[in-house]
Amino acid sequence: MKKFTKFENKVWLSTPTMHDGEELKYIKEAYDTNWMSTVGKNIDEVERIACEKIGCKYSVGLSSGTSALHLAVKLAGVKQGDMVFCSDMTFCATVNPIVYEGGIPVFIDTEYDTWNMDPVALEKAFELYPNVKVVVLVNLYGTPGKMDEIKAVCDKHGAILVEDAAESLGATYKGRQTGTFGEYSCISFNGNKIITGSCGGMFLTDSLEAADKVRKWSTQARENAPWYQHEEIGYNYRMSNVVAGVVRGQFPYLEEHIRSKKEIYNRYKEGFKDLPVKMNPYDEKNSEPNFWLSCMIINEGAMCSQVRGESRALYNKEKGKSCPTEILEKLAEYNAEGRPIWKPMHMQPIFRMNPFINRYGNARANTNAYINTDYIIKDNLPLDISNDIFERGLCLPSDNKMTEEQQNIVIEIVKSCFE
């Protein structure tokens, strides 16, 4: 295998891209005006700009994308014991808010075209559980799902769609911004997102009533009284005016960040054209991702043998083949950060007992444990597409500050794993 010079400065997966003066100007404004609180001009402006950029009527700045999802799930009416359909291949923050409200996540398998929720599996889920009234959808790694098809299934069954657009700010489907397809939608300004506040998130809706309710809940559900009056449970979820200053300074650079991320994606695609791999896909006719993370999936025939446990992985090196474990270890050896694909939620120990629905029905029928179905094929598709993508895929260094020269070295490191 080729030897490369270790990167002197680490090449990261995705870190904040800050700008000279803009963010600091608004942070200083908060400081100078003494609005070091959860109210202030920065919050007002960030909410206004978000509505303008995304195309929704109302937004509420919150402390995180997770808090936005929590209040969206609560607003959707999820109660103790209610089943909620949700994307399977995602980060746990998508699913945890369902559990906060006592709901039971039912995981919907992924499809290969976009790596998002399979609308065929979603329809099958409604056949099995017709009383479900809430669906939580993720736009994975900044790529929109099959929004028309998923929305049609939800409308057919009278279900509320909650859109987790935490990773997809600025992405569009048929010219429409993600974050506008759900009755309630959420975005994130976490430190690794396309724009950041170091933390923070936002609830998005076209309903004034919903926005007012979330605003109330997020400030400890205080009633309109001259004293502290409380008639329902509230939360300390409001965005800080200081954090909002960072986001306010970042928003003008959203399109610039997306262009940079797309260039990274396209360089990988060109660099890997002779390898037995594919980049994370998207519907080039109908959607434009924000390319938050560039990912790749190894062709089935080019996978060396790999075994993963709950916290460790082993593989056998084979000529002309590789696997995510080998590539990630090799990148780390040269001081570059990659990451496995999100481990599907139905494979997580905490959710082993929850239903997992693929396009053929309940993949866990008649069992109380996870069955590894990655080698069971029907209609030329594995019965567990989420697991298949997890087994063969990985996230590549996608940092906006990575130079073209550094990326070319990353490409060569990946290539060397297939020699």
Protein backbone atom coordinates (compact mmCIF):
# COMPACT_ATOMS: atom_id res chain seq x y z
CA MET A 1 0.00 0.00 0.00
CA LYS A 2 1.19 3.51 -0.82
CA LYS A 3 2.55 5.71 1.94
CA PHE A 4 1.47 9.33 2.28
CA THR A 5 2.66 12.17 4.45
CA LYS A 6 0.47 12.57 7.50
CA PHE A 7 -1.56 15.79 7.42
CA GLU A 8 0.07 18.31 9.72
CA ASN A 9 -3.29 19.88 10.48
CA LYS A 10 -6.20 17.50 10.83
CA VAL A 11 -8.60 17.26 7.92
CA TRP A 12 -12.02 17.22 9.57
CA LEU A 13 -15.36 15.71 8.63
CA SER A 14 -17.23 19.00 8.98
CA THR A 15 -16.44 21.94 11.24
CA PRO A 16 -17.77 25.50 11.53
CA THR A 17 -16.72 27.86 8.75
CA MET A 18 -16.50 31.31 10.31
CA HIS A 19 -16.06 34.68 8.61
CA ASP A 20 -14.10 37.83 9.39
CA GLY A 21 -16.21 40.19 11.41
CA GLU A 22 -19.79 39.21 10.59
CA GLU A 23 -20.48 36.84 13.47
CA LEU A 24 -18.43 38.89 15.94
CA LYS A 25 -20.29 42.07 14.99
CA TYR A 26 -23.63 40.67 16.11
CA ILE A 27 -22.20 38.94 19.18
CA LYS A 28 -20.70 42.30 20.21
CA GLU A 29 -24.02 43.99 19.52
CA ALA A 30 -25.69 41.64 22.00
CA TYR A 31 -22.91 42.34 24.51
CA ASP A 32 -22.89 46.12 24.05
CA THR A 33 -26.67 46.41 24.34
CA ASN A 34 -26.68 44.02 27.34
CA TRP A 35 -29.13 41.60 25.67
CA MET A 36 -27.28 38.54 26.98
CA SER A 37 -30.52 36.65 27.24
CA THR A 38 -33.09 34.62 25.31
CA VAL A 39 -34.64 37.77 23.84
CA GLY A 40 -33.09 40.42 21.64
CA LYS A 41 -32.66 41.79 18.14
CA ASN A 42 -30.45 38.92 16.95
CA ILE A 43 -33.17 36.39 17.66
CA ASP A 44 -35.80 38.55 15.97
CA GLU A 45 -33.58 38.95 12.90
CA VAL A 46 -32.63 35.28 12.67
CA GLU A 47 -36.30 34.28 12.78
CA ARG A 48 -37.11 36.83 10.07
CA ILE A 49 -34.20 35.77 7.85
CA ALA A 50 -35.02 32.07 8.26
CA CYS A 51 -38.60 32.62 7.07
CA GLU A 52 -37.37 34.71 4.15
CA LYS A 53 -34.71 32.19 3.07
CA ILE A 54 -36.71 29.02 3.59
CA GLY A 55 -40.14 30.21 2.57
CA CYS A 56 -42.15 29.45 5.69
CA LYS A 57 -44.44 31.94 7.42
CA TYR A 58 -43.25 31.53 11.00
CA SER A 59 -40.11 30.41 12.81
CA VAL A 60 -39.11 30.12 16.47
CA GLY A 61 -35.45 30.17 17.47
CA LEU A 62 -34.64 27.42 19.97
CA SER A 63 -31.66 26.05 21.85
CA SER A 64 -31.15 23.07 19.51
CA GLY A 65 -32.59 21.15 16.61
CA THR A 66 -33.53 18.43 19.11
CA SER A 67 -35.61 20.84 21.17
CA ALA A 68 -37.36 21.95 17.97
CA LEU A 69 -38.13 18.32 17.11
CA HIS A 70 -39.35 17.66 20.64
CA LEU A 71 -41.85 20.51 20.53
CA ALA A 72 -42.90 19.53 17.00
CA VAL A 73 -43.64 15.98 18.16
CA LYS A 74 -45.52 17.30 21.20
CA LEU A 75 -47.47 19.71 19.00
CA ALA A 76 -48.33 16.86 16.62
CA GLY A 77 -50.16 15.26 19.54
CA VAL A 78 -47.95 12.26 20.32
CA LYS A 79 -49.05 10.74 23.62
CA GLN A 80 -47.99 7.82 25.83
CA GLY A 81 -48.14 4.58 23.86
CA ASP A 82 -48.70 6.19 20.43
CA MET A 83 -46.79 4.64 17.55
CA VAL A 84 -44.88 7.10 15.34
CA PHE A 85 -43.37 6.21 11.96
CA CYS A 86 -39.86 7.58 11.53
CA SER A 87 -36.78 7.35 9.34
CA ASP A 88 -34.58 4.41 10.27
CA MET A 89 -31.20 5.60 9.04
CA THR A 90 -30.61 8.76 11.05
CA PHE A 91 -29.03 10.18 14.20
CA CYS A 92 -30.76 9.35 17.48
CA ALA A 93 -31.79 13.00 17.96
CA THR A 94 -34.52 12.40 15.36
CA VAL A 95 -36.03 9.58 17.39
CA ASN A 96 -35.46 10.54 21.03
CA PRO A 97 -38.12 13.30 21.09
CA ILE A 98 -40.75 10.68 20.24
CA VAL A 99 -39.72 8.76 23.34
CA TYR A 100 -39.69 11.97 25.44
CA GLU A 101 -43.44 12.15 24.86
CA GLY A 102 -43.97 8.45 25.57
CA GLY A 103 -44.35 7.50 21.91
CA ILE A 104 -43.13 4.27 20.31
CA PRO A 105 -40.86 4.75 17.27
CA VAL A 106 -41.65 2.44 14.36
CA PHE A 107 -38.71 2.43 11.98
CA ILE A 108 -39.27 2.66 8.22
CA ASP A 109 -36.61 1.17 5.95
CA THR A 110 -34.49 3.23 3.57
CA GLU A 111 -34.45 3.30 -0.25
CA TYR A 112 -31.32 3.38 -2.39
CA ASP A 113 -32.21 6.37 -4.62
CA THR A 114 -31.74 9.02 -1.91
CA TRP A 115 -30.84 7.01 1.22
CA ASN A 116 -34.03 8.33 2.82
CA MET A 117 -37.33 6.88 4.01
CA ASP A 118 -38.83 4.44 1.48
CA PRO A 119 -42.37 5.62 0.58
CA VAL A 120 -43.31 2.04 -0.39
CA ALA A 121 -42.30 0.84 3.08
CA LEU A 122 -44.20 3.77 4.61
CA GLU A 123 -47.39 2.70 2.80
CA LYS A 124 -46.84 -0.86 4.02
CA ALA A 125 -46.45 0.48 7.57
CA PHE A 126 -49.88 2.14 7.36
CA GLU A 127 -51.38 -1.16 6.20
CA LEU A 128 -49.98 -2.79 9.34
CA TYR A 129 -50.67 0.10 11.74
CA PRO A 130 -53.53 2.17 10.24
CA ASN A 131 -54.08 4.28 13.37
CA VAL A 132 -50.69 6.00 13.30
CA LYS A 133 -51.08 9.77 12.91
CA VAL A 134 -47.51 11.14 12.92
CA VAL A 135 -44.57 10.57 10.56
CA VAL A 136 -41.08 11.96 11.27
CA LEU A 137 -38.98 12.23 8.10
CA VAL A 138 -35.25 13.03 7.81
CA ASN A 139 -33.43 14.50 4.79
CA LEU A 140 -30.26 12.49 5.31
CA TYR A 141 -26.84 14.17 4.88
CA GLY A 142 -28.51 17.17 3.25
CA THR A 143 -30.33 15.20 0.51
CA PRO A 144 -34.11 15.58 0.16
CA GLY A 145 -36.20 12.42 0.31
CA LYS A 146 -38.96 11.54 -2.16
CA MET A 147 -41.09 14.32 -0.77
CA ASP A 148 -44.08 14.14 -3.13
CA GLU A 149 -44.49 10.40 -2.61
CA ILE A 150 -44.05 10.54 1.15
CA LYS A 151 -46.37 13.53 1.51
CA ALA A 152 -48.99 11.74 -0.59
CA VAL A 153 -48.87 8.69 1.68
CA CYS A 154 -49.20 10.89 4.77
CA ASP A 155 -52.13 12.82 3.28
CA LYS A 156 -53.86 9.59 2.24
CA HIS A 157 -53.80 8.34 5.82
CA GLY A 158 -54.44 11.67 7.53
CA ALA A 159 -51.02 11.74 9.21
CA ILE A 160 -49.07 14.82 10.26
CA LEU A 161 -45.61 15.05 8.67
CA VAL A 162 -42.81 16.35 10.90
CA GLU A 163 -39.78 17.18 8.73
CA ASP A 164 -36.34 16.89 10.29
CA ALA A 165 -34.37 19.21 8.02
CA ALA A 166 -31.52 19.58 10.52
CA GLU A 167 -28.97 18.42 7.95
CA SER A 168 -30.57 19.88 4.81
CA LEU A 169 -30.85 23.65 5.29
CA GLY A 170 -30.67 25.21 1.83
CA ALA A 171 -31.48 22.00 -0.05
CA THR A 172 -34.43 22.05 -2.45
CA TYR A 173 -36.93 19.58 -3.90
CA LYS A 174 -38.60 20.71 -7.13
CA GLY A 175 -37.41 24.23 -6.35
CA ARG A 176 -38.93 24.24 -2.87
CA GLN A 177 -36.76 24.51 0.23
CA THR A 178 -36.61 21.62 2.65
CA GLY A 179 -38.09 22.65 5.97
CA THR A 180 -41.39 23.56 4.26
CA PHE A 181 -42.80 20.10 3.55
CA GLY A 182 -43.77 19.16 7.06
CA GLU A 183 -46.72 20.65 8.89
CA TYR A 184 -43.98 21.25 11.44
CA SER A 185 -40.31 21.30 10.45
CA CYS A 186 -36.99 21.75 12.19
CA ILE A 187 -33.46 22.89 11.34
CA SER A 188 -30.23 22.81 13.33
CA PHE A 189 -27.35 25.23 13.83
CA ASN A 190 -25.12 22.72 15.59
CA GLY A 191 -21.37 23.22 15.19
CA ASN A 192 -21.02 20.76 12.29
CA LYS A 193 -23.97 21.99 10.21
CA ILE A 194 -23.92 23.94 6.94
CA ILE A 195 -24.21 27.18 8.95
CA THR A 196 -23.85 27.28 12.70
CA GLY A 197 -24.38 29.17 15.91
CA SER A 198 -22.21 26.68 17.80
CA CYS A 199 -25.57 25.30 18.87
CA GLY A 200 -29.19 26.27 18.34
CA GLY A 201 -32.09 25.22 16.18
CA MET A 202 -35.35 26.45 14.78
CA PHE A 203 -38.99 25.38 14.58
CA LEU A 204 -40.65 26.17 11.23
CA THR A 205 -44.34 26.26 10.33
CA ASP A 206 -47.02 28.10 8.35
CA SER A 207 -49.33 28.08 11.37
CA LEU A 208 -49.31 31.14 13.64
CA GLU A 209 -51.10 29.13 16.32
CA ALA A 210 -48.39 26.45 16.24
CA ALA A 211 -45.58 29.02 16.35
CA ASP A 212 -47.18 30.80 19.31
CA LYS A 213 -47.61 27.51 21.15
CA VAL A 214 -43.97 26.53 20.63
CA ARG A 215 -42.81 29.98 21.69
CA LYS A 216 -44.83 29.64 24.89
CA TRP A 217 -43.66 26.09 25.67
CA SER A 218 -40.05 27.06 25.03
CA THR A 219 -40.18 29.77 27.70
CA GLN A 220 -41.46 27.54 30.52
CA ALA A 221 -45.10 27.85 29.39
CA ARG A 222 -45.64 31.06 31.30
CA GLU A 223 -49.21 32.37 31.09
CA ASN A 224 -50.15 35.97 30.32
CA ALA A 225 -50.40 37.16 33.91
CA PRO A 226 -48.57 39.76 36.02
CA TRP A 227 -46.95 36.95 38.03
CA TYR A 228 -45.44 33.61 37.07
CA GLN A 229 -48.56 31.61 36.24
CA HIS A 230 -48.26 28.07 34.79
CA GLU A 231 -51.09 25.86 33.54
CA GLU A 232 -49.02 23.32 31.59
CA ILE A 233 -45.49 21.94 31.53
CA GLY A 234 -42.93 24.11 29.75
CA TYR A 235 -39.26 23.93 28.79
CA ASN A 236 -36.19 26.14 28.85
CA TYR A 237 -35.66 25.79 25.09
CA ARG A 238 -35.36 29.37 23.81
CA MET A 239 -32.35 30.39 21.68
CA SER A 240 -29.76 32.69 23.23
CA ASN A 241 -29.42 36.16 21.71
CA VAL A 242 -25.65 35.58 21.63
CA VAL A 243 -25.98 32.30 19.70
CA ALA A 244 -28.47 34.04 17.41
CA GLY A 245 -25.79 36.64 16.69
CA VAL A 246 -23.51 33.92 15.31
CA VAL A 247 -26.33 32.47 13.19
CA ARG A 248 -27.27 35.94 11.96
CA GLY A 249 -23.69 36.44 10.79
CA GLN A 250 -23.63 33.03 9.14
CA PHE A 251 -26.88 33.19 7.15
CA PRO A 252 -25.49 35.46 4.36
CA TYR A 253 -22.90 32.74 3.62
CA LEU A 254 -25.33 29.82 3.28
CA GLU A 255 -25.19 29.68 -0.52
CA GLU A 256 -21.40 30.07 -0.49
CA HIS A 257 -21.08 27.14 1.91
CA ILE A 258 -23.36 25.01 -0.25
CA ARG A 259 -21.33 25.79 -3.38
CA SER A 260 -18.16 24.77 -1.56
CA LYS A 261 -19.74 21.53 -0.31
CA LYS A 262 -20.94 20.71 -3.83
CA GLU A 263 -17.44 21.22 -5.22
CA ILE A 264 -16.12 18.77 -2.62
CA TYR A 265 -18.78 16.22 -3.60
CA ASN A 266 -18.02 16.57 -7.31
CA ARG A 267 -14.24 16.25 -6.78
CA TYR A 268 -14.82 13.00 -4.91
CA LYS A 269 -17.16 11.77 -7.63
CA GLU A 270 -14.56 12.48 -10.32
CA GLY A 271 -11.69 11.14 -8.24
CA PHE A 272 -13.46 7.85 -7.56
CA LYS A 273 -14.76 7.25 -11.10
CA ASP A 274 -12.43 4.27 -11.63
CA LEU A 275 -13.13 2.71 -8.22
CA PRO A 276 -15.90 0.20 -7.47
CA VAL A 277 -17.79 2.78 -5.39
CA LYS A 278 -20.63 5.28 -5.75
CA MET A 279 -21.28 8.61 -4.05
CA ASN A 280 -24.39 9.12 -1.90
CA PRO A 281 -27.13 9.54 -4.52
CA TYR A 282 -29.80 12.15 -5.11
CA ASP A 283 -32.58 12.79 -7.62
CA GLU A 284 -30.72 15.02 -10.07
CA LYS A 285 -33.94 15.88 -11.93
CA ASN A 286 -35.99 17.03 -8.94
CA SER A 287 -33.69 17.88 -6.07
CA GLU A 288 -30.60 19.87 -5.21
CA PRO A 289 -28.96 18.79 -1.93
CA ASN A 290 -26.88 21.10 0.21
CA PHE A 291 -24.13 18.42 0.03
CA TRP A 292 -23.54 18.74 3.78
CA LEU A 293 -21.59 15.46 3.90
CA SER A 294 -20.04 13.61 0.97
CA CYS A 295 -20.47 9.89 1.44
CA MET A 296 -19.60 6.81 -0.58
CA ILE A 297 -20.83 3.24 -0.78
CA ILE A 298 -18.66 0.33 -1.90
CA ASN A 299 -20.04 -1.98 -4.58
CA GLU A 300 -21.11 -5.34 -3.17
CA GLY A 301 -18.51 -7.30 -5.14
CA ALA A 302 -15.71 -5.01 -3.95
CA MET A 303 -16.36 -5.49 -0.23
CA CYS A 304 -13.73 -7.41 1.69
CA SER A 305 -15.07 -9.48 4.57
CA GLN A 306 -16.00 -7.31 7.54
CA VAL A 307 -17.59 -8.10 10.89
CA ARG A 308 -18.98 -5.46 13.24
CA GLY A 309 -19.90 -5.93 16.86
CA GLU A 310 -21.51 -3.38 19.14
CA SER A 311 -18.30 -1.38 19.54
CA ARG A 312 -15.58 -3.03 17.46
CA ALA A 313 -15.06 -4.09 13.86
CA LEU A 314 -12.74 -6.57 12.15
CA TYR A 315 -11.96 -7.13 8.49
CA ASN A 316 -9.75 -9.25 6.26
CA LYS A 317 -7.68 -7.37 3.71
CA GLU A 318 -8.34 -8.66 0.18
CA LYS A 319 -6.64 -7.58 -3.04
CA GLY A 320 -8.78 -5.19 -5.08
CA LYS A 321 -11.34 -4.91 -2.29
CA SER A 322 -11.91 -2.81 0.80
CA CYS A 323 -14.51 -1.98 3.44
CA PRO A 324 -15.56 1.06 5.50
CA THR A 325 -13.51 -0.04 8.51
CA GLU A 326 -10.28 -0.23 6.50
CA ILE A 327 -10.85 3.12 4.80
CA LEU A 328 -11.76 4.92 8.02
CA GLU A 329 -8.74 3.48 9.83
CA LYS A 330 -6.46 4.47 6.97
CA LEU A 331 -7.83 8.04 6.91
CA ALA A 332 -7.33 8.31 10.67
CA GLU A 333 -3.75 7.07 10.27
CA TYR A 334 -3.04 10.12 8.10
CA ASN A 335 -4.91 12.54 10.40
CA ALA A 336 -8.14 12.79 8.40
CA GLU A 337 -11.59 12.30 9.90
CA GLY A 338 -14.22 10.09 8.31
CA ARG A 339 -17.25 8.51 9.93
CA PRO A 340 -19.41 5.41 9.52
CA ILE A 341 -22.87 5.92 8.07
CA TRP A 342 -25.47 6.43 10.80
CA LYS A 343 -26.10 3.04 12.35
CA PRO A 344 -29.80 2.38 11.65
CA MET A 345 -32.09 2.97 14.60
CA HIS A 346 -33.64 -0.49 14.43
CA MET A 347 -30.15 -1.95 15.05
CA GLN A 348 -29.51 0.17 18.14
CA PRO A 349 -29.60 -1.81 21.41
CA ILE A 350 -32.08 0.60 22.96
CA PHE A 351 -34.58 0.08 20.11
CA ARG A 352 -34.18 -3.67 19.48
CA MET A 353 -37.78 -4.34 20.47
CA ASN A 354 -39.32 -1.68 18.21
CA PRO A 355 -41.01 -2.60 14.92
CA PHE A 356 -38.96 -2.24 11.74
CA ILE A 357 -40.94 -2.06 8.49
CA ASN A 358 -39.54 -2.72 5.04
CA ARG A 359 -41.42 -2.66 1.74
CA TYR A 360 -42.64 -6.22 2.33
CA GLY A 361 -43.99 -5.77 5.85
CA ASN A 362 -42.75 -6.14 9.39
CA ALA A 363 -39.17 -7.39 9.16
CA ARG A 364 -39.31 -8.31 12.84
CA ALA A 365 -42.59 -10.22 12.76
CA ASN A 366 -42.76 -13.11 15.23
CA THR A 367 -39.51 -12.12 16.93
CA ASN A 368 -38.46 -9.83 19.75
CA ALA A 369 -34.92 -9.26 18.51
CA TYR A 370 -33.12 -7.85 15.53
CA ILE A 371 -32.66 -10.35 12.70
CA ASN A 372 -29.76 -9.65 10.36
CA THR A 373 -31.47 -9.75 6.97
CA ASP A 374 -28.71 -8.22 4.87
CA TYR A 375 -28.17 -11.44 2.92
CA ILE A 376 -31.85 -12.22 2.42
CA ILE A 377 -32.83 -11.02 -1.04
CA LYS A 378 -36.27 -10.44 -2.55
CA ASP A 379 -36.89 -8.79 -5.93
CA ASN A 380 -33.10 -8.25 -6.12
CA LEU A 381 -33.21 -6.07 -2.98
CA PRO A 382 -32.02 -6.94 0.52
CA LEU A 383 -34.81 -6.98 3.09
CA ASP A 384 -32.84 -4.50 5.21
CA ILE A 385 -31.61 -1.70 2.96
CA SER A 386 -30.68 0.52 5.92
CA ASN A 387 -28.29 -2.12 7.20
CA ASP A 388 -26.85 -2.71 3.72
CA ILE A 389 -25.97 0.99 3.34
CA PHE A 390 -24.54 1.02 6.86
CA GLU A 391 -22.39 -2.03 6.10
CA ARG A 392 -20.99 -0.71 2.81
CA GLY A 393 -21.03 3.08 3.28
CA LEU A 394 -18.98 5.77 4.99
CA CYS A 395 -18.83 9.57 5.34
CA LEU A 396 -15.76 11.25 3.86
CA PRO A 397 -13.95 14.37 5.05
CA SER A 398 -16.27 17.17 3.87
CA ASP A 399 -14.98 20.25 5.62
CA ASN A 400 -15.31 23.53 3.71
CA LYS A 401 -11.81 24.52 4.80
CA MET A 402 -10.21 21.40 3.32
CA THR A 403 -8.01 22.48 0.43
CA GLU A 404 -8.22 20.90 -3.02
CA GLU A 405 -4.72 19.54 -2.46
CA GLN A 406 -5.74 17.94 0.81
CA GLN A 407 -8.82 16.43 -0.80
CA ASN A 408 -6.74 14.98 -3.62
CA ILE A 409 -4.57 13.25 -1.03
CA VAL A 410 -7.70 11.89 0.70
CA ILE A 411 -8.82 10.51 -2.66
CA GLU A 412 -5.46 8.82 -3.16
CA ILE A 413 -5.62 7.33 0.34
CA VAL A 414 -9.02 5.83 -0.43
CA LYS A 415 -7.77 4.50 -3.76
CA SER A 416 -4.82 2.82 -2.05
CA CYS A 417 -7.24 0.75 0.06
CA PHE A 418 -8.42 -1.05 -3.10
CA GLU A 419 -4.94 -2.04 -4.31
